[in-house]
Amino acid sequence: MVLQTIAYLDAAIVSIIEQCAYYQKQRNLLLNRAMVEKIKQTGQYALLITPGELRRNKIGNIKIFSKRFPEGYIAIRNCQQQDIQDKYHHDMNALQFSEIPLTLADEKIGEDMVTEFVGYQPQKLTVEVRRLPGMLK
């Protein structure tokens, strides 16, 4: 009965997931309709819209920003340049111990030889229970 119960539960879960997806789609359609049609209240139900946290806009026009804050702009760019150089030096020092991409190794050495060296392993195992043909329902 264990495997039969697993198969029954799998089918029930699929059915419930499909039903939840349908309900979610219907909810989103009605919510969008309420917002488009500006339906704020119906009977004892009200649409409440709560804005999330505020985030500042990105600096869109770099030229205007650099003219408005010339000294700050230069300091920012110097800091960015230093960060890039530090990351470059860090990456170069770590290169000999970093992972070698298989695509690059295949290109430079040959896929057959690299595959012979690294071998294969399954990425995941899929376990399922199925009803055998000819078994009673």
C-alpha atoms as a PDB file:
ATOM      1  CA  MET A   1       0.000   0.000   0.000  1.00  0.00           C
ATOM      2  CA  VAL A   2       2.962   2.363   0.458  1.00  0.00           C
ATOM      3  CA  LEU A   3       3.686   2.776  -3.257  1.00  0.00           C
ATOM      4  CA  GLN A   4      -0.021   2.988  -4.095  1.00  0.00           C
ATOM      5  CA  THR A   5      -0.450   5.724  -1.500  1.00  0.00           C
ATOM      6  CA  ILE A   6       2.542   7.627  -2.918  1.00  0.00           C
ATOM      7  CA  ALA A   7       1.038   7.452  -6.421  1.00  0.00           C
ATOM      8  CA  TYR A   8      -2.340   8.631  -5.072  1.00  0.00           C
ATOM      9  CA  LEU A   9      -0.697  11.531  -3.220  1.00  0.00           C
ATOM     10  CA  ASP A  10       1.300  12.507  -6.321  1.00  0.00           C
ATOM     11  CA  ALA A  11      -1.921  12.712  -8.346  1.00  0.00           C
ATOM     12  CA  ALA A  12      -3.673  14.672  -5.594  1.00  0.00           C
ATOM     13  CA  ILE A  13      -0.766  17.134  -5.335  1.00  0.00           C
ATOM     14  CA  VAL A  14      -0.792  17.733  -9.103  1.00  0.00           C
ATOM     15  CA  SER A  15      -4.539  18.363  -8.983  1.00  0.00           C
ATOM     16  CA  ILE A  16      -4.256  20.808  -6.080  1.00  0.00           C
ATOM     17  CA  ILE A  17      -1.348  22.670  -7.708  1.00  0.00           C
ATOM     18  CA  GLU A  18      -3.369  23.057 -10.915  1.00  0.00           C
ATOM     19  CA  GLN A  19      -6.358  24.308  -8.915  1.00  0.00           C
ATOM     20  CA  CYS A  20      -4.202  26.802  -6.988  1.00  0.00           C
ATOM     21  CA  ALA A  21      -2.684  28.077 -10.246  1.00  0.00           C
ATOM     22  CA  TYR A  22      -6.195  28.576 -11.654  1.00  0.00           C
ATOM     23  CA  TYR A  23      -7.320  30.457  -8.521  1.00  0.00           C
ATOM     24  CA  GLN A  24      -4.189  32.635  -8.588  1.00  0.00           C
ATOM     25  CA  LYS A  25      -4.754  33.496 -12.248  1.00  0.00           C
ATOM     26  CA  GLN A  26      -8.403  34.411 -11.587  1.00  0.00           C
ATOM     27  CA  ARG A  27      -7.387  36.519  -8.571  1.00  0.00           C
ATOM     28  CA  ASN A  28      -4.796  38.416 -10.617  1.00  0.00           C
ATOM     29  CA  LEU A  29      -7.298  39.056 -13.418  1.00  0.00           C
ATOM     30  CA  LEU A  30      -9.875  40.440 -10.982  1.00  0.00           C
ATOM     31  CA  LEU A  31      -7.286  42.485  -9.101  1.00  0.00           C
ATOM     32  CA  ASN A  32      -6.061  44.055 -12.343  1.00  0.00           C
ATOM     33  CA  ARG A  33      -9.663  44.766 -13.348  1.00  0.00           C
ATOM     34  CA  ALA A  34     -10.350  46.459 -10.020  1.00  0.00           C
ATOM     35  CA  MET A  35      -7.290  48.657 -10.413  1.00  0.00           C
ATOM     36  CA  VAL A  36      -7.990  49.546 -14.062  1.00  0.00           C
ATOM     37  CA  GLU A  37     -11.647  50.300 -13.388  1.00  0.00           C
ATOM     38  CA  LYS A  38     -10.700  52.105 -10.154  1.00  0.00           C
ATOM     39  CA  ILE A  39     -13.028  49.990  -8.038  1.00  0.00           C
ATOM     40  CA  LYS A  40     -12.134  51.100  -4.511  1.00  0.00           C
ATOM     41  CA  GLN A  41     -15.039  49.611  -2.553  1.00  0.00           C
ATOM     42  CA  THR A  42     -17.842  47.110  -3.092  1.00  0.00           C
ATOM     43  CA  GLY A  43     -20.175  46.462  -0.170  1.00  0.00           C
ATOM     44  CA  GLN A  44     -18.101  45.559   2.859  1.00  0.00           C
ATOM     45  CA  TYR A  45     -14.899  45.027   0.821  1.00  0.00           C
ATOM     46  CA  ALA A  46     -12.316  47.693   0.068  1.00  0.00           C
ATOM     47  CA  LEU A  47      -9.242  47.678  -2.136  1.00  0.00           C
ATOM     48  CA  LEU A  48      -6.227  48.740  -0.101  1.00  0.00           C
ATOM     49  CA  ILE A  49      -3.047  49.680  -1.958  1.00  0.00           C
ATOM     50  CA  THR A  50       0.035  49.921   0.232  1.00  0.00           C
ATOM     51  CA  PRO A  51       3.213  51.147  -1.454  1.00  0.00           C
ATOM     52  CA  GLY A  52       6.377  49.219  -0.683  1.00  0.00           C
ATOM     53  CA  GLU A  53       9.624  50.698   0.507  1.00  0.00           C
ATOM     54  CA  LEU A  54      10.875  53.727  -1.379  1.00  0.00           C
ATOM     55  CA  ARG A  55      14.092  53.449  -3.322  1.00  0.00           C
ATOM     56  CA  ARG A  56      15.993  56.297  -4.861  1.00  0.00           C
ATOM     57  CA  ASN A  57      16.158  56.552  -8.624  1.00  0.00           C
ATOM     58  CA  LYS A  58      19.423  55.788 -10.396  1.00  0.00           C
ATOM     59  CA  ILE A  59      21.572  58.615 -11.678  1.00  0.00           C
ATOM     60  CA  GLY A  60      20.193  58.796 -15.192  1.00  0.00           C
ATOM     61  CA  ASN A  61      22.158  61.613 -16.825  1.00  0.00           C
ATOM     62  CA  ILE A  62      25.857  61.212 -16.071  1.00  0.00           C
ATOM     63  CA  LYS A  63      26.873  64.367 -17.972  1.00  0.00           C
ATOM     64  CA  ILE A  64      24.580  66.634 -15.959  1.00  0.00           C
ATOM     65  CA  PHE A  65      25.601  64.875 -12.719  1.00  0.00           C
ATOM     66  CA  SER A  66      29.312  65.391 -13.506  1.00  0.00           C
ATOM     67  CA  LYS A  67      28.744  69.100 -14.243  1.00  0.00           C
ATOM     68  CA  ARG A  68      26.692  69.621 -11.085  1.00  0.00           C
ATOM     69  CA  PHE A  69      29.136  67.753  -8.798  1.00  0.00           C
ATOM     70  CA  PRO A  70      32.534  67.892 -10.591  1.00  0.00           C
ATOM     71  CA  GLU A  71      34.751  67.118  -7.585  1.00  0.00           C
ATOM     72  CA  GLY A  72      32.466  64.365  -6.338  1.00  0.00           C
ATOM     73  CA  TYR A  73      32.250  62.880  -9.825  1.00  0.00           C
ATOM     74  CA  ILE A  74      36.048  62.672 -10.074  1.00  0.00           C
ATOM     75  CA  ALA A  75      36.266  61.093  -6.602  1.00  0.00           C
ATOM     76  CA  ILE A  76      33.570  58.547  -7.500  1.00  0.00           C
ATOM     77  CA  ARG A  77      35.276  57.573 -10.769  1.00  0.00           C
ATOM     78  CA  ASN A  78      38.672  57.265  -9.035  1.00  0.00           C
ATOM     79  CA  CYS A  79      37.093  54.988  -6.434  1.00  0.00           C
ATOM     80  CA  GLN A  80      35.446  52.875  -9.152  1.00  0.00           C
ATOM     81  CA  GLN A  81      38.721  52.618 -11.039  1.00  0.00           C
ATOM     82  CA  GLN A  82      40.537  51.507  -7.878  1.00  0.00           C
ATOM     83  CA  ASP A  83      37.846  48.877  -7.189  1.00  0.00           C
ATOM     84  CA  ILE A  84      38.230  47.489 -10.717  1.00  0.00           C
ATOM     85  CA  GLN A  85      42.025  47.350 -10.384  1.00  0.00           C
ATOM     86  CA  ASP A  86      41.788  45.642  -6.976  1.00  0.00           C
ATOM     87  CA  LYS A  87      39.361  43.057  -8.336  1.00  0.00           C
ATOM     88  CA  TYR A  88      41.596  42.472 -11.367  1.00  0.00           C
ATOM     89  CA  HIS A  89      44.671  41.887  -9.192  1.00  0.00           C
ATOM     90  CA  HIS A  90      42.699  39.622  -6.850  1.00  0.00           C
ATOM     91  CA  ASP A  91      41.344  37.600  -9.788  1.00  0.00           C
ATOM     92  CA  MET A  92      44.771  37.300 -11.400  1.00  0.00           C
ATOM     93  CA  ASN A  93      46.293  36.053  -8.132  1.00  0.00           C
ATOM     94  CA  ALA A  94      43.493  33.476  -7.702  1.00  0.00           C
ATOM     95  CA  LEU A  95      43.565  32.303 -11.324  1.00  0.00           C
ATOM     96  CA  GLN A  96      45.896  29.330 -10.849  1.00  0.00           C
ATOM     97  CA  PHE A  97      43.547  27.846  -8.229  1.00  0.00           C
ATOM     98  CA  SER A  98      40.274  28.690 -10.000  1.00  0.00           C
ATOM     99  CA  GLU A  99      37.941  26.257 -11.726  1.00  0.00           C
ATOM    100  CA  ILE A 100      38.640  25.505 -15.378  1.00  0.00           C
ATOM    101  CA  PRO A 101      35.490  25.813 -17.529  1.00  0.00           C
ATOM    102  CA  LEU A 102      34.743  22.586 -19.383  1.00  0.00           C
ATOM    103  CA  THR A 103      33.848  24.448 -22.576  1.00  0.00           C
ATOM    104  CA  LEU A 104      37.258  26.131 -22.656  1.00  0.00           C
ATOM    105  CA  ALA A 105      39.061  22.871 -21.841  1.00  0.00           C
ATOM    106  CA  ASP A 106      37.102  21.095 -24.588  1.00  0.00           C
ATOM    107  CA  GLU A 107      38.040  23.815 -27.063  1.00  0.00           C
ATOM    108  CA  LYS A 108      41.756  23.803 -26.226  1.00  0.00           C
ATOM    109  CA  ILE A 109      42.359  20.099 -25.467  1.00  0.00           C
ATOM    110  CA  GLY A 110      39.480  18.221 -27.028  1.00  0.00           C
ATOM    111  CA  GLU A 111      36.133  17.101 -25.590  1.00  0.00           C
ATOM    112  CA  ASP A 112      36.923  13.373 -25.761  1.00  0.00           C
ATOM    113  CA  MET A 113      40.186  13.680 -23.827  1.00  0.00           C
ATOM    114  CA  VAL A 114      38.697  16.036 -21.217  1.00  0.00           C
ATOM    115  CA  THR A 115      35.665  13.760 -20.760  1.00  0.00           C
ATOM    116  CA  GLU A 116      37.959  10.757 -20.315  1.00  0.00           C
ATOM    117  CA  PHE A 117      39.766  12.714 -17.588  1.00  0.00           C
ATOM    118  CA  VAL A 118      36.698  14.009 -15.703  1.00  0.00           C
ATOM    119  CA  GLY A 119      34.140  11.248 -16.342  1.00  0.00           C
ATOM    120  CA  TYR A 120      30.397  11.553 -15.789  1.00  0.00           C
ATOM    121  CA  GLN A 121      28.076  11.721 -12.794  1.00  0.00           C
ATOM    122  CA  PRO A 122      24.299  12.089 -12.669  1.00  0.00           C
ATOM    123  CA  GLN A 123      23.102  15.628 -12.008  1.00  0.00           C
ATOM    124  CA  LYS A 124      20.008  14.493 -10.145  1.00  0.00           C
ATOM    125  CA  LEU A 125      18.008  11.391  -9.381  1.00  0.00           C
ATOM    126  CA  THR A 126      14.329  11.302 -10.179  1.00  0.00           C
ATOM    127  CA  VAL A 127      12.241   8.967  -8.060  1.00  0.00           C
ATOM    128  CA  GLU A 128       8.620   8.273  -8.933  1.00  0.00           C
ATOM    129  CA  VAL A 129       6.015   5.598  -8.461  1.00  0.00           C
ATOM    130  CA  ARG A 130       4.016   4.354 -11.458  1.00  0.00           C
ATOM    131  CA  ARG A 131       1.179   1.884 -11.775  1.00  0.00           C
ATOM    132  CA  LEU A 132       2.272  -1.246 -13.610  1.00  0.00           C
ATOM    133  CA  PRO A 133       0.347  -2.120 -16.774  1.00  0.00           C
ATOM    134  CA  GLY A 134      -2.379  -4.692 -16.209  1.00  0.00           C
ATOM    135  CA  MET A 135      -2.694  -4.018 -12.481  1.00  0.00           C
ATOM    136  CA  LEU A 136      -6.182  -3.520 -11.035  1.00  0.00           C
ATOM    137  CA  LYS A 137      -7.356   0.002 -10.425  1.00  0.00           C
END
